[in-house]
Amino acid sequence: MKPRVIVLMGVAGAGKSTVGEALSAALGWPFRDADSFHPPANVEKMSRGLPLDDADRAPWLAAIARWIDGRLAAGEPGIVSCSALKRAYRQRIIGARDGVRLVYLAGDRELIAGRLAARKGHFMPASLLDSQLATLEEPGPEERALVVSIVPSPEEVAVSIVGALGLAPAAGGA
């Protein structure tokens, strides 16, 4: 079954937002960045270099799950990014929802650290990368995640996702 909603997961700096935008352009599907679901208190905490705990993440994950449910109920496609570092988080936003597919943007620490160091104007400091990597529980086979390398350009990553999921590019897209 082809997905109606794609969840892009990975640590900060893996390119979730950039790939999400490229994938949106390729498919003609709307994209929502997970950062837009964070309550102000979470953004402020991360801005101070403090990692979020599970209590901080609960309303954020609930908001993402509501967005996904809204897309599915309307029969509309969508793409959403979410670090989704733990299986429990992925269970909350994906669970047994038909039509939702997880795409894990995977890369090594050095590549991601370099991207974070070059990023300007983002509230997530590079200093939180190690806590994200320590928290990361890579998807298991039961999660049917599509694992995609972030080494190629975001546009190339988007094209590979479209192809691997058997989706049709939008007219003028990838």
C-alpha atoms as a PDB file:
ATOM      1  CA  MET A   1       0.000   0.000   0.000  1.00  0.00           C
ATOM      2  CA  LYS A   2       1.343   3.407  -0.949  1.00  0.00           C
ATOM      3  CA  PRO A   3       1.562   5.845   1.947  1.00  0.00           C
ATOM      4  CA  ARG A   4      -0.728   8.853   2.311  1.00  0.00           C
ATOM      5  CA  VAL A   5       1.462  10.400   5.005  1.00  0.00           C
ATOM      6  CA  ILE A   6       5.250  10.254   5.205  1.00  0.00           C
ATOM      7  CA  VAL A   7       7.043  10.827   8.519  1.00  0.00           C
ATOM      8  CA  LEU A   8      10.676  11.905   8.071  1.00  0.00           C
ATOM      9  CA  MET A   9      12.706  11.017  11.150  1.00  0.00           C
ATOM     10  CA  GLY A  10      16.293  11.525  12.274  1.00  0.00           C
ATOM     11  CA  VAL A  11      18.456  13.529  14.627  1.00  0.00           C
ATOM     12  CA  ALA A  12      18.823  17.305  14.392  1.00  0.00           C
ATOM     13  CA  GLY A  13      20.893  18.175  11.348  1.00  0.00           C
ATOM     14  CA  ALA A  14      19.913  15.059   9.373  1.00  0.00           C
ATOM     15  CA  GLY A  15      18.062  17.278   6.908  1.00  0.00           C
ATOM     16  CA  LYS A  16      14.450  16.548   7.822  1.00  0.00           C
ATOM     17  CA  SER A  17      13.246  20.068   6.961  1.00  0.00           C
ATOM     18  CA  THR A  18      15.295  20.406   3.780  1.00  0.00           C
ATOM     19  CA  VAL A  19      14.381  16.934   2.527  1.00  0.00           C
ATOM     20  CA  GLY A  20      10.770  17.547   3.564  1.00  0.00           C
ATOM     21  CA  GLU A  21      10.642  20.674   1.408  1.00  0.00           C
ATOM     22  CA  ALA A  22      12.287  18.855  -1.531  1.00  0.00           C
ATOM     23  CA  LEU A  23       9.894  15.923  -1.136  1.00  0.00           C
ATOM     24  CA  SER A  24       6.942  18.319  -0.970  1.00  0.00           C
ATOM     25  CA  ALA A  25       8.083  19.931  -4.221  1.00  0.00           C
ATOM     26  CA  ALA A  26       8.605  16.526  -5.853  1.00  0.00           C
ATOM     27  CA  LEU A  27       5.208  15.122  -4.856  1.00  0.00           C
ATOM     28  CA  GLY A  28       3.087  18.254  -4.612  1.00  0.00           C
ATOM     29  CA  TRP A  29       2.136  17.222  -1.064  1.00  0.00           C
ATOM     30  CA  PRO A  30       1.997  19.666   1.873  1.00  0.00           C
ATOM     31  CA  PHE A  31       4.879  19.568   4.342  1.00  0.00           C
ATOM     32  CA  ARG A  32       4.818  20.446   8.039  1.00  0.00           C
ATOM     33  CA  ASP A  33       8.020  20.809   9.983  1.00  0.00           C
ATOM     34  CA  ALA A  34       7.935  19.234  13.434  1.00  0.00           C
ATOM     35  CA  ASP A  35       9.423  22.393  14.925  1.00  0.00           C
ATOM     36  CA  SER A  36       6.133  24.179  14.170  1.00  0.00           C
ATOM     37  CA  PHE A  37       4.352  21.841  16.616  1.00  0.00           C
ATOM     38  CA  HIS A  38       6.603  22.644  19.620  1.00  0.00           C
ATOM     39  CA  PRO A  39       5.111  24.745  22.391  1.00  0.00           C
ATOM     40  CA  PRO A  40       7.144  27.899  23.151  1.00  0.00           C
ATOM     41  CA  ALA A  41       8.496  26.394  26.393  1.00  0.00           C
ATOM     42  CA  ASN A  42      10.181  23.580  24.433  1.00  0.00           C
ATOM     43  CA  VAL A  43      11.803  25.998  21.994  1.00  0.00           C
ATOM     44  CA  GLU A  44      13.066  28.128  24.878  1.00  0.00           C
ATOM     45  CA  LYS A  45      14.474  25.077  26.689  1.00  0.00           C
ATOM     46  CA  MET A  46      16.321  23.816  23.601  1.00  0.00           C
ATOM     47  CA  SER A  47      17.575  27.349  22.875  1.00  0.00           C
ATOM     48  CA  ARG A  48      19.330  27.208  26.243  1.00  0.00           C
ATOM     49  CA  GLY A  49      21.027  23.955  25.194  1.00  0.00           C
ATOM     50  CA  LEU A  50      18.841  21.769  27.412  1.00  0.00           C
ATOM     51  CA  PRO A  51      17.490  18.528  25.968  1.00  0.00           C
ATOM     52  CA  LEU A  52      13.774  17.858  26.178  1.00  0.00           C
ATOM     53  CA  ASP A  53      12.475  15.075  28.387  1.00  0.00           C
ATOM     54  CA  ASP A  54       9.518  12.805  27.694  1.00  0.00           C
ATOM     55  CA  ALA A  55       7.113  15.124  29.541  1.00  0.00           C
ATOM     56  CA  ASP A  56       8.236  18.022  27.317  1.00  0.00           C
ATOM     57  CA  ARG A  57       7.740  15.916  24.211  1.00  0.00           C
ATOM     58  CA  ALA A  58       4.229  14.625  25.075  1.00  0.00           C
ATOM     59  CA  PRO A  59       2.209  17.655  23.838  1.00  0.00           C
ATOM     60  CA  TRP A  60       4.476  17.968  20.802  1.00  0.00           C
ATOM     61  CA  LEU A  61       3.955  14.343  19.782  1.00  0.00           C
ATOM     62  CA  ALA A  62       0.213  14.646  20.426  1.00  0.00           C
ATOM     63  CA  ALA A  63       0.038  17.664  18.090  1.00  0.00           C
ATOM     64  CA  ILE A  64       1.909  15.798  15.342  1.00  0.00           C
ATOM     65  CA  ALA A  65      -0.380  12.771  15.772  1.00  0.00           C
ATOM     66  CA  ARG A  66      -3.452  15.031  15.478  1.00  0.00           C
ATOM     67  CA  TRP A  67      -2.079  16.514  12.242  1.00  0.00           C
ATOM     68  CA  ILE A  68      -1.465  13.032  10.808  1.00  0.00           C
ATOM     69  CA  ASP A  69      -4.953  11.901  11.857  1.00  0.00           C
ATOM     70  CA  GLY A  70      -6.435  14.985  10.206  1.00  0.00           C
ATOM     71  CA  ARG A  71      -4.670  14.238   6.925  1.00  0.00           C
ATOM     72  CA  LEU A  72      -5.793  10.608   6.989  1.00  0.00           C
ATOM     73  CA  ALA A  73      -9.399  11.483   7.910  1.00  0.00           C
ATOM     74  CA  ALA A  74      -9.558  13.984   5.039  1.00  0.00           C
ATOM     75  CA  GLY A  75      -8.019  11.485   2.617  1.00  0.00           C
ATOM     76  CA  GLU A  76      -5.272  14.011   1.925  1.00  0.00           C
ATOM     77  CA  PRO A  77      -1.541  13.281   1.609  1.00  0.00           C
ATOM     78  CA  GLY A  78       1.079  14.940   3.753  1.00  0.00           C
ATOM     79  CA  ILE A  79       4.687  14.941   4.844  1.00  0.00           C
ATOM     80  CA  VAL A  80       5.772  15.721   8.391  1.00  0.00           C
ATOM     81  CA  SER A  81       9.192  15.779   9.967  1.00  0.00           C
ATOM     82  CA  CYS A  82       9.766  14.554  13.507  1.00  0.00           C
ATOM     83  CA  SER A  83      13.001  13.496  15.156  1.00  0.00           C
ATOM     84  CA  ALA A  84      11.033  10.489  16.521  1.00  0.00           C
ATOM     85  CA  LEU A  85      14.168   9.292  18.267  1.00  0.00           C
ATOM     86  CA  LYS A  86      12.502   6.614  20.417  1.00  0.00           C
ATOM     87  CA  ARG A  87      10.283   3.719  19.392  1.00  0.00           C
ATOM     88  CA  ALA A  88       7.717   4.948  21.921  1.00  0.00           C
ATOM     89  CA  TYR A  89       7.534   8.307  20.125  1.00  0.00           C
ATOM     90  CA  ARG A  90       7.083   6.620  16.757  1.00  0.00           C
ATOM     91  CA  GLN A  91       4.395   4.397  18.251  1.00  0.00           C
ATOM     92  CA  ARG A  92       2.572   7.548  19.394  1.00  0.00           C
ATOM     93  CA  ILE A  93       2.631   9.301  16.008  1.00  0.00           C
ATOM     94  CA  ILE A  94       2.491   6.296  13.658  1.00  0.00           C
ATOM     95  CA  GLY A  95       1.369   3.256  15.642  1.00  0.00           C
ATOM     96  CA  ALA A  96      -1.042   1.120  13.655  1.00  0.00           C
ATOM     97  CA  ARG A  97      -2.199   3.973  11.410  1.00  0.00           C
ATOM     98  CA  ASP A  98      -2.713   2.618   7.907  1.00  0.00           C
ATOM     99  CA  GLY A  99      -1.225   4.758   5.190  1.00  0.00           C
ATOM    100  CA  VAL A 100       1.634   6.226   7.239  1.00  0.00           C
ATOM    101  CA  ARG A 101       5.228   5.396   6.321  1.00  0.00           C
ATOM    102  CA  LEU A 102       8.376   6.114   8.316  1.00  0.00           C
ATOM    103  CA  VAL A 103      11.483   7.338   6.474  1.00  0.00           C
ATOM    104  CA  TYR A 104      14.691   7.391   8.528  1.00  0.00           C
ATOM    105  CA  LEU A 105      17.267   9.923   7.331  1.00  0.00           C
ATOM    106  CA  ALA A 106      20.525   8.288   8.393  1.00  0.00           C
ATOM    107  CA  GLY A 107      24.026   9.705   8.467  1.00  0.00           C
ATOM    108  CA  ASP A 108      27.196   9.586  10.532  1.00  0.00           C
ATOM    109  CA  ARG A 109      27.977  11.914  13.425  1.00  0.00           C
ATOM    110  CA  GLU A 110      30.708  13.834  11.588  1.00  0.00           C
ATOM    111  CA  LEU A 111      28.478  14.731   8.634  1.00  0.00           C
ATOM    112  CA  ILE A 112      25.599  15.787  10.879  1.00  0.00           C
ATOM    113  CA  ALA A 113      27.847  17.756  13.253  1.00  0.00           C
ATOM    114  CA  GLY A 114      29.255  19.655  10.274  1.00  0.00           C
ATOM    115  CA  ARG A 115      25.765  20.515   9.087  1.00  0.00           C
ATOM    116  CA  LEU A 116      24.723  21.700  12.538  1.00  0.00           C
ATOM    117  CA  ALA A 117      27.831  23.855  12.865  1.00  0.00           C
ATOM    118  CA  ALA A 118      27.022  25.544   9.542  1.00  0.00           C
ATOM    119  CA  ARG A 119      23.342  26.114  10.372  1.00  0.00           C
ATOM    120  CA  LYS A 120      22.352  29.697  11.125  1.00  0.00           C
ATOM    121  CA  GLY A 121      19.334  31.023  12.988  1.00  0.00           C
ATOM    122  CA  HIS A 122      18.042  27.727  14.350  1.00  0.00           C
ATOM    123  CA  PHE A 123      17.130  27.310  18.011  1.00  0.00           C
ATOM    124  CA  MET A 124      18.669  23.825  18.280  1.00  0.00           C
ATOM    125  CA  PRO A 125      22.347  24.170  19.205  1.00  0.00           C
ATOM    126  CA  ALA A 126      24.949  21.730  17.867  1.00  0.00           C
ATOM    127  CA  SER A 127      25.776  20.875  21.493  1.00  0.00           C
ATOM    128  CA  LEU A 128      22.587  18.777  21.688  1.00  0.00           C
ATOM    129  CA  LEU A 129      23.667  16.365  18.935  1.00  0.00           C
ATOM    130  CA  ASP A 130      25.328  13.940  21.347  1.00  0.00           C
ATOM    131  CA  SER A 131      22.197  13.770  23.529  1.00  0.00           C
ATOM    132  CA  GLN A 132      20.106  13.113  20.401  1.00  0.00           C
ATOM    133  CA  LEU A 133      22.445  10.335  19.260  1.00  0.00           C
ATOM    134  CA  ALA A 134      22.399   8.815  22.756  1.00  0.00           C
ATOM    135  CA  THR A 135      18.587   8.857  22.740  1.00  0.00           C
ATOM    136  CA  LEU A 136      18.215   7.520  19.180  1.00  0.00           C
ATOM    137  CA  GLU A 137      16.687   4.071  18.905  1.00  0.00           C
ATOM    138  CA  GLU A 138      17.082   3.161  15.260  1.00  0.00           C
ATOM    139  CA  PRO A 139      13.915   1.705  13.737  1.00  0.00           C
ATOM    140  CA  GLY A 140      13.566  -2.054  13.916  1.00  0.00           C
ATOM    141  CA  PRO A 141      12.309  -4.277  11.067  1.00  0.00           C
ATOM    142  CA  GLU A 142       8.782  -4.309  12.524  1.00  0.00           C
ATOM    143  CA  GLU A 143       8.573  -0.548  11.911  1.00  0.00           C
ATOM    144  CA  ARG A 144       9.057  -1.022   8.143  1.00  0.00           C
ATOM    145  CA  ALA A 145      11.122   2.158   7.954  1.00  0.00           C
ATOM    146  CA  LEU A 146      12.674   3.191   4.698  1.00  0.00           C
ATOM    147  CA  VAL A 147      16.293   3.984   5.615  1.00  0.00           C
ATOM    148  CA  VAL A 148      17.836   6.641   3.374  1.00  0.00           C
ATOM    149  CA  SER A 149      21.387   7.954   3.407  1.00  0.00           C
ATOM    150  CA  ILE A 150      21.708  11.731   3.819  1.00  0.00           C
ATOM    151  CA  VAL A 151      25.012  11.876   1.926  1.00  0.00           C
ATOM    152  CA  PRO A 152      23.398  12.828  -1.432  1.00  0.00           C
ATOM    153  CA  SER A 153      21.789  16.233  -1.971  1.00  0.00           C
ATOM    154  CA  PRO A 154      18.317  16.782  -0.455  1.00  0.00           C
ATOM    155  CA  GLU A 155      16.828  16.696  -3.951  1.00  0.00           C
ATOM    156  CA  GLU A 156      18.492  13.347  -4.666  1.00  0.00           C
ATOM    157  CA  VAL A 157      17.288  12.011  -1.322  1.00  0.00           C
ATOM    158  CA  ALA A 158      13.743  13.128  -2.191  1.00  0.00           C
ATOM    159  CA  VAL A 159      13.914  11.403  -5.584  1.00  0.00           C
ATOM    160  CA  SER A 160      15.119   8.181  -3.939  1.00  0.00           C
ATOM    161  CA  ILE A 161      12.237   8.313  -1.413  1.00  0.00           C
ATOM    162  CA  VAL A 162       9.652   8.872  -4.170  1.00  0.00           C
ATOM    163  CA  GLY A 163      11.046   5.916  -6.107  1.00  0.00           C
ATOM    164  CA  ALA A 164      11.431   3.582  -3.143  1.00  0.00           C
ATOM    165  CA  LEU A 165       7.853   4.224  -1.997  1.00  0.00           C
ATOM    166  CA  GLY A 166       6.487   3.799  -5.531  1.00  0.00           C
ATOM    167  CA  LEU A 167       4.930   7.261  -5.566  1.00  0.00           C
ATOM    168  CA  ALA A 168       4.213   9.362  -8.624  1.00  0.00           C
ATOM    169  CA  PRO A 169       6.053  12.682  -8.810  1.00  0.00           C
ATOM    170  CA  ALA A 170       3.918  15.783  -9.246  1.00  0.00           C
ATOM    171  CA  ALA A 171       3.861  17.395 -12.678  1.00  0.00           C
ATOM    172  CA  GLY A 172       7.046  19.430 -12.822  1.00  0.00           C
ATOM    173  CA  GLY A 173       8.348  17.645  -9.679  1.00  0.00           C
ATOM    174  CA  ALA A 174      11.208  15.168  -9.319  1.00  0.00           C
END
